[in-house]
Amino acid sequence: MKYLSLAPLTICSLFLVTACGGGSSDSSPVAFSLNAEANSVGERETFIINYQFDQLVDANVTITADKGTIDTVNKQIIWSAYEVDNDTFETITVTANNGTDSYSQTFHLSVIDTDYVFYFTDPDVPNQDFWDDRNYAAPRVNSAYIDGLIAEETPINIAMSEIGYFPHPDLPELAGTYPAQDVEHYHGNLVGSLMVALQNNGEGVAGLVSNAQLYRIDYTQPGWAQYLIDENAMVLNISYGGVQCSRNDRLWLQDEIDTYVNAGGIITVSTGNDASATFQGCQNIILVASVEIDGRPSDFSSYGNSVDISGFGGNQLLADENQSYKYAHGTSYSAPSVASAVAFGKQKYPQLTHEVAELGLTQSAKPFPVELPAGGFGAGILDAYAFIEWLDLYYGND
């Protein structure tokens, strides 16, 4: 199935992203309004354009098209596709002339393959490389939504260890925080928006996980494990490169991790951005390095034999502290993309454990497309679509 999207001059905020058409006037400008709904159109299907000439009431209308067939009923154009080819632009030109004034406008119709369709309608989603399945390191999240692999209607509680989260029109309010904090830092906005920015709200960007409540904890403060267990927030992302269970001041941390994991929790941790070997020293975590959108390891990413998997950590548009958006990159963003994939798994299979998640992520990962430098970047690159397929097979739901 292929999708066809329509983008006239006056309408550019449709479900699919296409180029906008232009218009020209043979004499003085006249009012010319057109409306259309974005429809998926396959071969031998139709869609309708509504048009109105305010100052050309008695105009003769001529309509031409490069493909398909056209009928007109009142002030509607009915276009029937008889041939739909990928990577082609098709056009419809409408010209009105009342003997004195005339006006002409061309519609551009872009054919886009299903795998490349952006699932969300938020205006800046197309600028987020991790949605675009054409890019190698993208986790194929939008295809997983389109194909129904993700149980998006199932509520889920997830958590992040962050020190700041400012109110933003594109972000949900925090469902809870431990301990209570009021820290002037925006890292939580960037990480949180990657996971849970509101979808299909016509605002900015879309987070990866739908129907999620977000909790914030400080992993350096004992007691967070039981807090998250009590809140049933069983997926936790820690976007810090210094998570070390062997530090004298954090010898208690492995006990916290084990308490959480033994209760069914799953933790993803970023390797850090020091471009050196990482020494996390913790067990029962999923350690995530960063790759660029073409699959090559990020220059900034830390690495090591303890790394489980890599994810896209290159520039992506995220919600900031100023009720706006900014581009950011780092392992701080590759780790929550893996956490989001784990959240998909938890939405569909609440019984998912750390051991099964780690196995599924590594066995379903994409191979690296380039020869790796010395050091470890894990089993491959996150593929959320393949991960959910793997879980379906594992739990006998194929």
Protein backbone atom coordinates (compact mmCIF):
# COMPACT_ATOMS: atom_id res chain seq x y z
CA MET A 1 0.00 0.00 0.00
CA LYS A 2 1.33 3.42 -0.89
CA TYR A 3 0.09 6.76 0.39
CA LEU A 4 -0.62 9.86 -1.61
CA SER A 5 -0.59 13.26 0.05
CA LEU A 6 -1.97 16.55 -1.18
CA ALA A 7 -0.37 19.93 -0.55
CA PRO A 8 -2.06 22.94 -2.19
CA LEU A 9 -0.74 26.45 -1.81
CA THR A 10 -3.02 27.32 1.07
CA ILE A 11 -2.71 24.09 3.02
CA CYS A 12 0.65 22.80 4.25
CA SER A 13 -0.13 21.17 7.58
CA LEU A 14 -1.49 17.87 6.39
CA PHE A 15 -0.96 14.36 7.71
CA LEU A 16 1.91 13.69 5.31
CA VAL A 17 4.70 16.06 4.47
CA THR A 18 4.94 17.30 0.87
CA ALA A 19 6.04 20.36 -1.05
CA CYS A 20 3.56 23.22 -1.41
CA GLY A 21 2.31 24.30 -4.81
CA GLY A 22 2.44 27.76 -6.35
CA GLY A 23 -0.05 29.92 -8.20
CA SER A 24 0.03 32.64 -10.82
CA SER A 25 -2.36 35.30 -12.10
CA ASP A 26 -2.74 36.29 -15.75
CA SER A 27 -4.06 39.75 -14.75
CA SER A 28 -5.17 41.30 -11.47
CA PRO A 29 -5.25 39.02 -8.40
CA VAL A 30 -8.61 37.51 -7.52
CA ALA A 31 -9.79 35.54 -4.53
CA PHE A 32 -9.14 31.85 -4.98
CA SER A 33 -9.60 29.44 -2.09
CA LEU A 34 -9.06 25.70 -2.10
CA ASN A 35 -9.50 23.06 0.56
CA ALA A 36 -8.64 19.42 0.70
CA GLU A 37 -8.38 16.60 3.17
CA ALA A 38 -5.29 14.41 3.17
CA ASN A 39 -6.30 10.91 2.16
CA SER A 40 -4.38 7.75 1.53
CA VAL A 41 -4.84 6.98 -2.13
CA GLY A 42 -3.88 3.81 -3.91
CA GLU A 43 -4.43 2.80 -7.47
CA ARG A 44 -8.03 3.23 -8.69
CA GLU A 45 -8.95 5.23 -5.59
CA THR A 46 -10.13 8.83 -5.48
CA PHE A 47 -9.94 11.99 -3.46
CA ILE A 48 -11.71 15.34 -3.63
CA ILE A 49 -10.50 18.94 -3.80
CA ASN A 50 -13.00 21.71 -2.96
CA TYR A 51 -12.45 25.09 -4.61
CA GLN A 52 -14.13 28.50 -4.53
CA PHE A 53 -13.68 31.61 -6.70
CA ASP A 54 -15.10 34.55 -4.77
CA GLN A 55 -14.64 37.06 -7.59
CA LEU A 56 -15.02 34.68 -10.52
CA VAL A 57 -18.54 33.49 -9.92
CA ASP A 58 -19.30 32.85 -13.56
CA ALA A 59 -15.82 31.65 -14.45
CA ASN A 60 -15.12 28.79 -16.79
CA VAL A 61 -12.89 26.29 -15.06
CA THR A 62 -10.28 24.19 -16.84
CA ILE A 63 -8.58 21.34 -15.00
CA THR A 64 -5.59 19.39 -16.25
CA ALA A 65 -3.60 16.59 -14.69
CA ASP A 66 -0.51 14.65 -15.58
CA LYS A 67 -1.94 11.31 -14.40
CA GLY A 68 -5.28 9.88 -13.50
CA THR A 69 -8.75 11.04 -14.51
CA ILE A 70 -10.75 14.08 -13.40
CA ASP A 71 -14.43 14.81 -12.92
CA THR A 72 -15.98 18.00 -11.55
CA VAL A 73 -19.17 18.20 -9.51
CA ASN A 74 -20.28 21.69 -8.51
CA LYS A 75 -17.11 23.12 -7.01
CA GLN A 76 -15.27 19.91 -6.35
CA ILE A 77 -12.54 18.15 -8.25
CA ILE A 78 -12.66 14.38 -8.07
CA TRP A 79 -9.31 12.88 -9.03
CA SER A 80 -9.02 9.14 -9.65
CA ALA A 81 -5.60 7.54 -9.56
CA TYR A 82 -4.97 4.90 -12.16
CA GLU A 83 -1.22 4.76 -11.66
CA VAL A 84 0.72 5.39 -8.46
CA ASP A 85 4.48 5.31 -8.68
CA ASN A 86 6.90 5.85 -5.83
CA ASP A 87 9.29 8.82 -5.94
CA THR A 88 7.21 10.75 -8.49
CA PHE A 89 5.33 14.03 -8.28
CA GLU A 90 1.93 14.27 -9.87
CA THR A 91 0.12 17.54 -10.48
CA ILE A 92 -3.37 18.93 -10.99
CA THR A 93 -3.72 22.45 -12.40
CA VAL A 94 -6.95 24.44 -11.94
CA THR A 95 -7.50 27.52 -14.13
CA ALA A 96 -10.50 29.85 -13.90
CA ASN A 97 -11.36 32.56 -16.45
CA ASN A 98 -14.43 34.80 -16.61
CA GLY A 99 -13.34 36.66 -19.74
CA THR A 100 -11.63 39.45 -17.80
CA ASP A 101 -9.74 37.96 -14.89
CA SER A 102 -8.10 34.61 -14.64
CA TYR A 103 -6.29 32.61 -12.02
CA SER A 104 -4.36 29.38 -12.07
CA GLN A 105 -2.97 27.15 -9.35
CA THR A 106 -1.13 23.86 -9.44
CA PHE A 107 -1.40 21.14 -6.80
CA HIS A 108 1.56 18.88 -6.20
CA LEU A 109 0.79 15.30 -5.26
CA SER A 110 3.62 13.38 -3.66
CA VAL A 111 3.62 9.59 -3.60
CA ILE A 112 5.33 8.22 -0.52
CA ASP A 113 6.01 4.58 0.27
CA THR A 114 4.31 3.25 3.40
CA ASP A 115 7.59 2.59 5.20
CA TYR A 116 8.45 6.28 4.97
CA VAL A 117 5.14 7.69 6.18
CA PHE A 118 5.33 9.78 9.34
CA TYR A 119 2.72 8.47 11.71
CA PHE A 120 2.31 11.62 13.79
CA THR A 121 0.82 14.94 12.80
CA ASP A 122 2.91 17.21 15.00
CA PRO A 123 4.56 19.77 12.70
CA ASP A 124 8.21 19.23 13.58
CA VAL A 125 8.16 15.43 13.65
CA PRO A 126 9.62 15.20 10.10
CA ASN A 127 12.74 16.96 11.39
CA GLN A 128 13.40 14.18 13.87
CA ASP A 129 15.67 11.71 12.16
CA PHE A 130 14.73 8.83 14.44
CA TRP A 131 11.22 8.76 12.90
CA ASP A 132 12.49 8.34 9.35
CA ASP A 133 12.73 4.65 8.53
CA ARG A 134 14.86 5.43 5.49
CA ASN A 135 17.78 6.21 7.82
CA TYR A 136 19.78 3.17 8.82
CA ALA A 137 20.04 3.80 12.57
CA ALA A 138 16.40 4.82 13.00
CA PRO A 139 14.57 2.27 15.17
CA ARG A 140 11.56 1.90 12.82
CA VAL A 141 9.18 3.16 15.47
CA ASN A 142 6.67 4.72 13.07
CA SER A 143 6.40 1.47 11.11
CA ALA A 144 5.75 -0.38 14.37
CA TYR A 145 2.87 2.02 15.10
CA ILE A 146 1.50 1.78 11.56
CA ASP A 147 1.62 -2.03 11.55
CA GLY A 148 0.00 -2.26 14.98
CA LEU A 149 2.93 -3.94 16.72
CA ILE A 150 2.88 -1.39 19.56
CA ALA A 151 0.08 -1.57 22.13
CA GLU A 152 -0.26 2.21 22.12
CA GLU A 153 -3.62 2.30 23.90
CA THR A 154 -2.22 0.51 26.95
CA PRO A 155 -1.22 2.93 29.75
CA ILE A 156 2.32 2.65 31.07
CA ASN A 157 4.36 4.35 33.77
CA ILE A 158 8.00 5.03 32.96
CA ALA A 159 10.75 6.92 34.76
CA MET A 160 13.92 8.88 34.18
CA SER A 161 16.72 9.94 36.47
CA GLU A 162 16.97 13.67 35.77
CA ILE A 163 17.52 16.87 37.71
CA GLY A 164 15.28 19.30 35.87
CA TYR A 165 11.94 19.34 34.06
CA PHE A 166 10.38 22.68 33.13
CA PRO A 167 6.70 23.09 32.18
CA HIS A 168 6.27 22.92 28.41
CA PRO A 169 3.11 22.89 26.25
CA ASP A 170 4.35 19.78 24.46
CA LEU A 171 5.18 17.81 27.62
CA PRO A 172 2.94 16.06 30.15
CA GLU A 173 3.22 17.04 33.79
CA LEU A 174 5.36 14.75 35.90
CA ALA A 175 3.32 12.05 37.58
CA GLY A 176 5.71 12.07 40.54
CA THR A 177 9.26 12.76 41.63
CA TYR A 178 11.68 11.29 44.20
CA PRO A 179 12.98 13.04 46.11
CA ALA A 180 11.14 16.34 45.63
CA GLN A 181 13.39 18.71 43.69
CA ASP A 182 13.33 22.11 42.10
CA VAL A 183 16.56 22.22 40.12
CA GLU A 184 17.27 24.84 37.47
CA HIS A 185 18.36 22.51 34.70
CA TYR A 186 16.69 21.48 31.47
CA HIS A 187 18.23 18.06 30.79
CA GLY A 188 15.02 16.41 31.92
CA ASN A 189 13.05 18.29 29.25
CA LEU A 190 15.29 16.98 26.48
CA VAL A 191 15.33 13.38 27.69
CA GLY A 192 11.68 13.38 28.71
CA SER A 193 10.48 14.83 25.42
CA LEU A 194 12.23 12.11 23.45
CA MET A 195 10.22 9.55 25.40
CA VAL A 196 6.86 11.18 26.11
CA ALA A 197 6.34 14.49 24.25
CA LEU A 198 2.62 14.66 23.50
CA GLN A 199 1.65 12.98 20.25
CA ASN A 200 -0.78 14.34 17.67
CA ASN A 201 -1.41 17.56 19.59
CA GLY A 202 -0.36 19.83 16.72
CA GLU A 203 2.55 21.06 18.81
CA GLY A 204 6.24 20.68 18.02
CA VAL A 205 7.51 17.13 18.33
CA ALA A 206 6.23 13.70 19.32
CA GLY A 207 7.70 11.40 21.93
CA LEU A 208 8.30 7.77 21.16
CA VAL A 209 5.96 6.30 23.80
CA SER A 210 2.22 6.87 23.71
CA ASN A 211 -0.12 6.88 26.70
CA ALA A 212 2.72 7.13 29.22
CA GLN A 213 2.99 8.76 32.62
CA LEU A 214 6.48 10.02 33.45
CA TYR A 215 8.17 9.87 36.84
CA ARG A 216 11.46 11.49 37.82
CA ILE A 217 13.94 10.14 40.35
CA ASP A 218 17.51 10.87 41.42
CA TYR A 219 19.42 7.61 41.20
CA THR A 220 22.08 8.98 43.61
CA GLN A 221 19.51 9.09 46.44
CA PRO A 222 18.71 5.75 48.14
CA GLY A 223 15.07 4.71 48.14
CA TRP A 224 14.23 5.34 44.48
CA ALA A 225 13.80 1.64 43.69
CA GLN A 226 10.97 1.08 46.15
CA TYR A 227 9.38 4.39 45.13
CA LEU A 228 9.21 3.31 41.47
CA ILE A 229 7.99 -0.16 42.42
CA ASP A 230 5.19 1.38 44.48
CA GLU A 231 4.26 3.62 41.52
CA ASN A 232 4.44 0.67 39.09
CA ALA A 233 6.95 2.59 36.95
CA MET A 234 8.94 -0.41 35.79
CA VAL A 235 11.06 1.10 33.02
CA LEU A 236 13.80 3.51 34.08
CA ASN A 237 16.26 5.47 31.95
CA ILE A 238 19.43 6.94 33.45
CA SER A 239 21.10 9.34 31.04
CA TYR A 240 24.31 9.80 32.99
CA GLY A 241 27.70 8.38 32.13
CA GLY A 242 28.94 8.18 35.69
CA VAL A 243 26.73 5.40 37.07
CA GLN A 244 29.29 3.44 39.06
CA CYS A 245 28.35 0.86 41.66
CA SER A 246 31.96 0.48 42.81
CA ARG A 247 32.35 4.04 44.10
CA ASN A 248 32.75 4.21 47.87
CA ASP A 249 29.88 6.67 48.13
CA ARG A 250 27.59 4.44 46.05
CA LEU A 251 28.20 0.93 47.30
CA TRP A 252 24.47 0.79 48.05
CA LEU A 253 23.54 1.44 44.39
CA GLN A 254 23.75 -2.17 43.21
CA ASP A 255 21.32 -3.15 45.95
CA GLU A 256 18.86 -0.50 44.67
CA ILE A 257 19.25 -1.76 41.11
CA ASP A 258 18.77 -5.37 42.16
CA THR A 259 15.67 -4.53 44.20
CA TYR A 260 14.13 -2.81 41.20
CA VAL A 261 15.08 -5.49 38.67
CA ASN A 262 13.99 -8.35 40.93
CA ALA A 263 10.54 -6.70 41.10
CA GLY A 264 10.33 -6.63 37.29
CA GLY A 265 12.01 -3.30 36.54
CA ILE A 266 14.25 -2.70 33.53
CA ILE A 267 16.97 -0.03 33.48
CA THR A 268 18.74 1.55 30.51
CA VAL A 269 21.90 3.60 31.11
CA SER A 270 23.93 5.78 28.75
CA THR A 271 27.65 5.12 28.41
CA GLY A 272 28.56 8.81 28.54
CA ASN A 273 30.12 11.24 26.09
CA ASP A 274 33.81 10.96 26.94
CA ALA A 275 34.81 9.06 23.78
CA SER A 276 36.66 6.59 25.97
CA ALA A 277 36.20 3.21 27.62
CA THR A 278 33.34 3.23 30.09
CA PHE A 279 33.56 1.68 33.54
CA GLN A 280 30.02 1.59 34.86
CA GLY A 281 30.64 -1.27 37.24
CA CYS A 282 26.94 -2.08 37.68
CA GLN A 283 25.08 -5.31 36.96
CA ASN A 284 21.49 -5.76 35.81
CA ILE A 285 21.45 -2.71 33.56
CA ILE A 286 21.22 -2.31 29.78
CA LEU A 287 24.15 -0.12 28.78
CA VAL A 288 23.66 1.97 25.62
CA ALA A 289 26.25 3.63 23.36
CA SER A 290 25.51 6.05 20.52
CA VAL A 291 25.66 5.85 16.74
CA GLU A 292 24.92 8.42 14.05
CA ILE A 293 21.96 8.12 11.70
CA ASP A 294 24.05 6.23 9.12
CA GLY A 295 25.04 3.65 11.74
CA ARG A 296 28.62 4.67 12.35
CA PRO A 297 29.63 5.08 16.01
CA SER A 298 29.30 8.63 17.32
CA ASP A 299 32.64 10.36 17.87
CA PHE A 300 31.60 11.40 21.38
CA SER A 301 30.25 8.04 22.56
CA SER A 302 31.97 6.11 25.30
CA TYR A 303 32.27 2.39 24.67
CA GLY A 304 33.42 -0.87 26.23
CA ASN A 305 32.91 -4.58 26.57
CA SER A 306 30.04 -4.03 29.00
CA VAL A 307 27.97 -2.16 26.38
CA ASP A 308 24.86 -4.10 25.37
CA ILE A 309 23.50 -2.14 22.41
CA SER A 310 23.76 1.17 20.55
CA GLY A 311 21.04 3.62 19.57
CA PHE A 312 20.73 6.79 17.56
CA GLY A 313 22.18 9.66 19.60
CA GLY A 314 22.77 12.21 16.86
CA ASN A 315 21.04 15.57 16.54
CA GLN A 316 17.31 15.42 17.14
CA LEU A 317 14.75 18.09 17.89
CA LEU A 318 13.59 18.06 21.52
CA ALA A 319 11.59 20.23 23.91
CA ASP A 320 13.71 22.73 25.86
CA GLU A 321 13.34 24.85 28.99
CA ASN A 322 12.01 27.91 27.16
CA GLN A 323 8.75 26.35 25.93
CA SER A 324 10.48 25.94 22.60
CA TYR A 325 12.74 23.32 20.95
CA LYS A 326 16.41 22.74 20.35
CA TYR A 327 18.61 20.15 18.69
CA ALA A 328 20.65 17.96 21.00
CA HIS A 329 22.91 14.94 20.65
CA GLY A 330 24.62 12.51 22.99
CA THR A 331 24.29 9.14 24.64
CA SER A 332 21.72 10.94 26.82
CA TYR A 333 19.34 10.39 23.89
CA SER A 334 20.44 7.00 22.59
CA ALA A 335 19.66 5.43 25.99
CA PRO A 336 16.06 6.72 26.28
CA SER A 337 15.32 5.53 22.75
CA VAL A 338 16.19 2.02 23.97
CA ALA A 339 14.15 2.63 27.13
CA SER A 340 11.22 3.58 24.91
CA ALA A 341 11.52 0.31 23.00
CA VAL A 342 11.52 -1.49 26.33
CA ALA A 343 8.40 0.48 27.27
CA PHE A 344 6.71 -0.78 24.08
CA GLY A 345 7.52 -4.28 25.27
CA LYS A 346 6.14 -3.59 28.75
CA GLN A 347 2.96 -2.11 27.30
CA LYS A 348 2.35 -5.28 25.34
CA TYR A 349 3.84 -7.79 27.79
CA PRO A 350 3.79 -6.50 31.39
CA GLN A 351 5.61 -9.66 32.47
CA LEU A 352 8.71 -8.59 30.49
CA THR A 353 11.85 -8.90 32.60
CA HIS A 354 15.34 -7.46 32.40
CA GLU A 355 16.77 -10.77 31.19
CA VAL A 356 14.24 -11.20 28.39
CA ALA A 357 14.46 -7.54 27.34
CA GLU A 358 18.25 -7.64 27.15
CA LEU A 359 18.17 -10.86 25.16
CA GLY A 360 15.52 -9.57 22.78
CA LEU A 361 17.21 -6.22 22.20
CA THR A 362 20.55 -7.78 21.39
CA GLN A 363 19.19 -10.60 19.23
CA SER A 364 16.98 -8.26 17.20
CA ALA A 365 19.55 -5.48 16.80
CA LYS A 366 20.63 -4.27 13.36
CA PRO A 367 24.21 -5.10 12.42
CA PHE A 368 26.66 -2.23 12.23
CA PRO A 369 27.03 -1.13 8.59
CA VAL A 370 30.64 -0.03 9.07
CA GLU A 371 33.77 -1.53 10.54
CA LEU A 372 33.92 -0.58 14.20
CA PRO A 373 36.88 1.08 15.91
CA ALA A 374 38.54 -0.58 18.86
CA GLY A 375 36.17 -1.03 21.76
CA GLY A 376 32.64 -2.28 22.20
CA PHE A 377 29.37 -0.78 20.95
CA GLY A 378 27.26 -3.78 21.85
CA ALA A 379 25.45 -6.37 19.76
CA GLY A 380 24.23 -3.89 17.17
CA ILE A 381 21.84 -0.96 16.70
CA LEU A 382 18.39 -0.72 18.23
CA ASP A 383 15.54 -1.91 16.00
CA ALA A 384 12.31 -1.39 17.96
CA TYR A 385 10.20 -2.99 15.24
CA ALA A 386 12.29 -6.16 15.23
CA PHE A 387 12.38 -6.15 19.05
CA ILE A 388 8.58 -6.24 19.30
CA GLU A 389 8.45 -8.94 16.64
CA TRP A 390 10.98 -10.92 18.70
CA LEU A 391 8.84 -10.52 21.83
CA ASP A 392 5.76 -11.66 19.93
CA LEU A 393 7.55 -14.86 19.02
CA TYR A 394 9.00 -15.28 22.50
CA TYR A 395 5.61 -14.98 24.15
CA GLY A 396 3.89 -17.10 21.54
CA ASN A 397 1.88 -14.30 19.98
CA ASP A 398 2.98 -14.71 16.36
